[in-house]
């Protein structure tokens, strides 16, 4: 079965780029345009991975990550911040909020699919295995 990836991204061009880069690799992609919708969809879909923009309307990605981590069935799902926030401390702030990883924007087309696969692979390995 193909992994389901929930993309929480308010920018249509960024969402389209993610689709163009990941769809050829067989991922089932679902999109939410804001944090509230993303939270609702995540609970219903129970995706294998969540790609989360930090700059979202109404609720920022940090708040979304914190709320996602409070949902029992989603606790083991990797959440990857995909953001233009690239100042010192931004990566740490995303991790503290509950993100499993961090990918900087602009997305590098040549490495993005491999980065996503790496996060999915880490989630599917038994605990303690490198």
Protein backbone atom coordinates (compact mmCIF):
# COMPACT_ATOMS: atom_id res chain seq x y z
CA UNK A 1 0.00 0.00 0.00
CA UNK A 2 1.29 3.45 -0.89
CA UNK A 3 2.07 5.76 2.03
CA UNK A 4 -0.38 8.57 2.70
CA UNK A 5 1.15 12.00 3.15
CA UNK A 6 -0.91 14.87 4.54
CA UNK A 7 0.41 18.22 3.34
CA UNK A 8 -0.70 21.18 5.46
CA UNK A 9 0.23 24.14 3.27
CA UNK A 10 -1.63 27.37 2.51
CA UNK A 11 0.38 28.37 -0.56
CA UNK A 12 -1.04 26.76 -3.71
CA UNK A 13 2.28 26.93 -5.59
CA UNK A 14 4.13 25.16 -2.78
CA UNK A 15 1.40 22.51 -2.56
CA UNK A 16 1.61 21.97 -6.31
CA UNK A 17 5.40 21.60 -6.14
CA UNK A 18 5.07 18.96 -3.41
CA UNK A 19 2.53 17.13 -5.56
CA UNK A 20 4.75 17.24 -8.66
CA UNK A 21 7.76 15.97 -6.70
CA UNK A 22 6.07 13.21 -4.68
CA UNK A 23 3.26 11.83 -6.82
CA UNK A 24 5.62 10.05 -9.26
CA UNK A 25 6.99 8.11 -6.26
CA UNK A 26 3.59 6.60 -5.53
CA UNK A 27 2.60 8.61 -2.48
CA UNK A 28 -1.07 9.18 -1.80
CA UNK A 29 -1.24 12.93 -1.17
CA UNK A 30 -3.93 14.79 0.74
CA UNK A 31 -3.91 18.57 1.18
CA UNK A 32 -5.18 20.95 3.86
CA UNK A 33 -4.94 24.70 3.40
CA UNK A 34 -4.85 25.64 7.09
CA UNK A 35 -4.07 24.20 10.50
CA UNK A 36 -7.66 23.61 11.61
CA UNK A 37 -8.49 21.64 8.48
CA UNK A 38 -5.17 19.80 8.78
CA UNK A 39 -5.99 18.69 12.33
CA UNK A 40 -9.40 17.39 11.23
CA UNK A 41 -7.99 15.57 8.21
CA UNK A 42 -5.09 14.06 10.17
CA UNK A 43 -7.39 12.46 12.70
CA UNK A 44 -9.59 10.94 9.99
CA UNK A 45 -6.86 9.95 7.52
CA UNK A 46 -4.22 8.79 10.02
CA UNK A 47 -1.49 9.53 7.46
CA UNK A 48 1.92 7.90 7.39
CA UNK A 49 3.61 11.33 7.33
CA UNK A 50 2.58 14.95 7.79
CA UNK A 51 4.37 17.75 5.93
CA UNK A 52 3.61 20.95 7.84
CA UNK A 53 4.16 24.55 6.82
CA UNK A 54 4.89 26.79 9.80
CA UNK A 55 3.45 30.02 8.40
CA UNK A 56 -0.25 29.20 8.28
CA UNK A 57 -3.31 31.42 8.66
CA UNK A 58 -5.21 31.41 11.99
CA UNK A 59 -2.99 28.81 13.71
CA UNK A 60 0.74 28.57 13.04
CA UNK A 61 2.48 25.27 12.38
CA UNK A 62 3.97 25.16 15.87
CA UNK A 63 0.49 25.15 17.37
CA UNK A 64 -0.68 22.57 14.84
CA UNK A 65 2.25 20.27 15.70
CA UNK A 66 1.53 20.59 19.42
CA UNK A 67 -2.14 19.74 18.88
CA UNK A 68 -1.30 16.81 16.57
CA UNK A 69 0.95 15.33 19.27
CA UNK A 70 -1.98 15.38 21.71
CA UNK A 71 -4.01 13.07 19.45
CA UNK A 72 -3.26 9.52 20.62
CA UNK A 73 -3.54 7.79 17.22
CA UNK A 74 -1.12 10.31 15.66
CA UNK A 75 1.64 10.25 18.27
CA UNK A 76 3.88 7.99 16.18
CA UNK A 77 3.29 9.80 12.89
CA UNK A 78 6.32 11.81 11.73
CA UNK A 79 5.60 15.52 11.36
CA UNK A 80 8.08 17.35 9.17
CA UNK A 81 8.18 21.15 9.21
CA UNK A 82 8.60 22.42 5.65
CA UNK A 83 9.32 26.08 6.12
CA UNK A 84 11.19 29.16 5.05
CA UNK A 85 12.01 29.83 8.71
CA UNK A 86 15.75 29.24 8.57
CA UNK A 87 17.16 31.43 11.32
CA UNK A 88 19.22 29.98 14.16
CA UNK A 89 16.84 28.30 16.59
CA UNK A 90 13.99 27.78 14.11
CA UNK A 91 14.75 24.07 13.66
CA UNK A 92 14.90 23.60 17.44
CA UNK A 93 11.61 25.47 17.88
CA UNK A 94 9.93 23.13 15.38
CA UNK A 95 11.32 20.05 17.15
CA UNK A 96 10.21 21.37 20.55
CA UNK A 97 6.69 21.90 19.15
CA UNK A 98 6.52 18.21 18.20
CA UNK A 99 7.99 18.01 14.72
CA UNK A 100 10.15 15.01 13.91
CA UNK A 101 12.22 16.88 11.36
CA UNK A 102 12.69 19.99 9.32
CA UNK A 103 13.06 20.75 5.60
CA UNK A 104 13.93 24.28 4.52
CA UNK A 105 12.14 26.15 1.76
CA UNK A 106 12.69 26.73 -1.00
CA UNK A 107 12.30 23.00 -1.51
CA UNK A 108 15.22 21.43 -3.35
CA UNK A 109 13.55 19.40 -6.13
CA UNK A 110 16.53 17.08 -6.53
CA UNK A 111 16.51 15.93 -2.88
CA UNK A 112 12.96 16.46 -1.59
CA UNK A 113 11.53 13.00 -2.43
CA UNK A 114 14.56 11.31 -0.84
CA UNK A 115 14.16 13.43 2.32
CA UNK A 116 10.50 12.45 2.57
CA UNK A 117 11.36 8.77 2.03
CA UNK A 118 13.96 9.01 4.79
CA UNK A 119 11.40 10.33 7.28
CA UNK A 120 8.95 7.60 6.28
CA UNK A 121 11.65 4.94 6.56
CA UNK A 122 12.64 6.12 10.02
CA UNK A 123 9.01 5.88 11.12
CA UNK A 124 8.67 2.32 9.81
CA UNK A 125 11.85 0.92 11.41
CA UNK A 126 11.50 -0.95 14.69
CA UNK A 127 12.46 1.12 17.71
CA UNK A 128 16.17 1.08 18.45
CA UNK A 129 17.13 0.21 14.86
CA UNK A 130 19.23 2.78 13.01
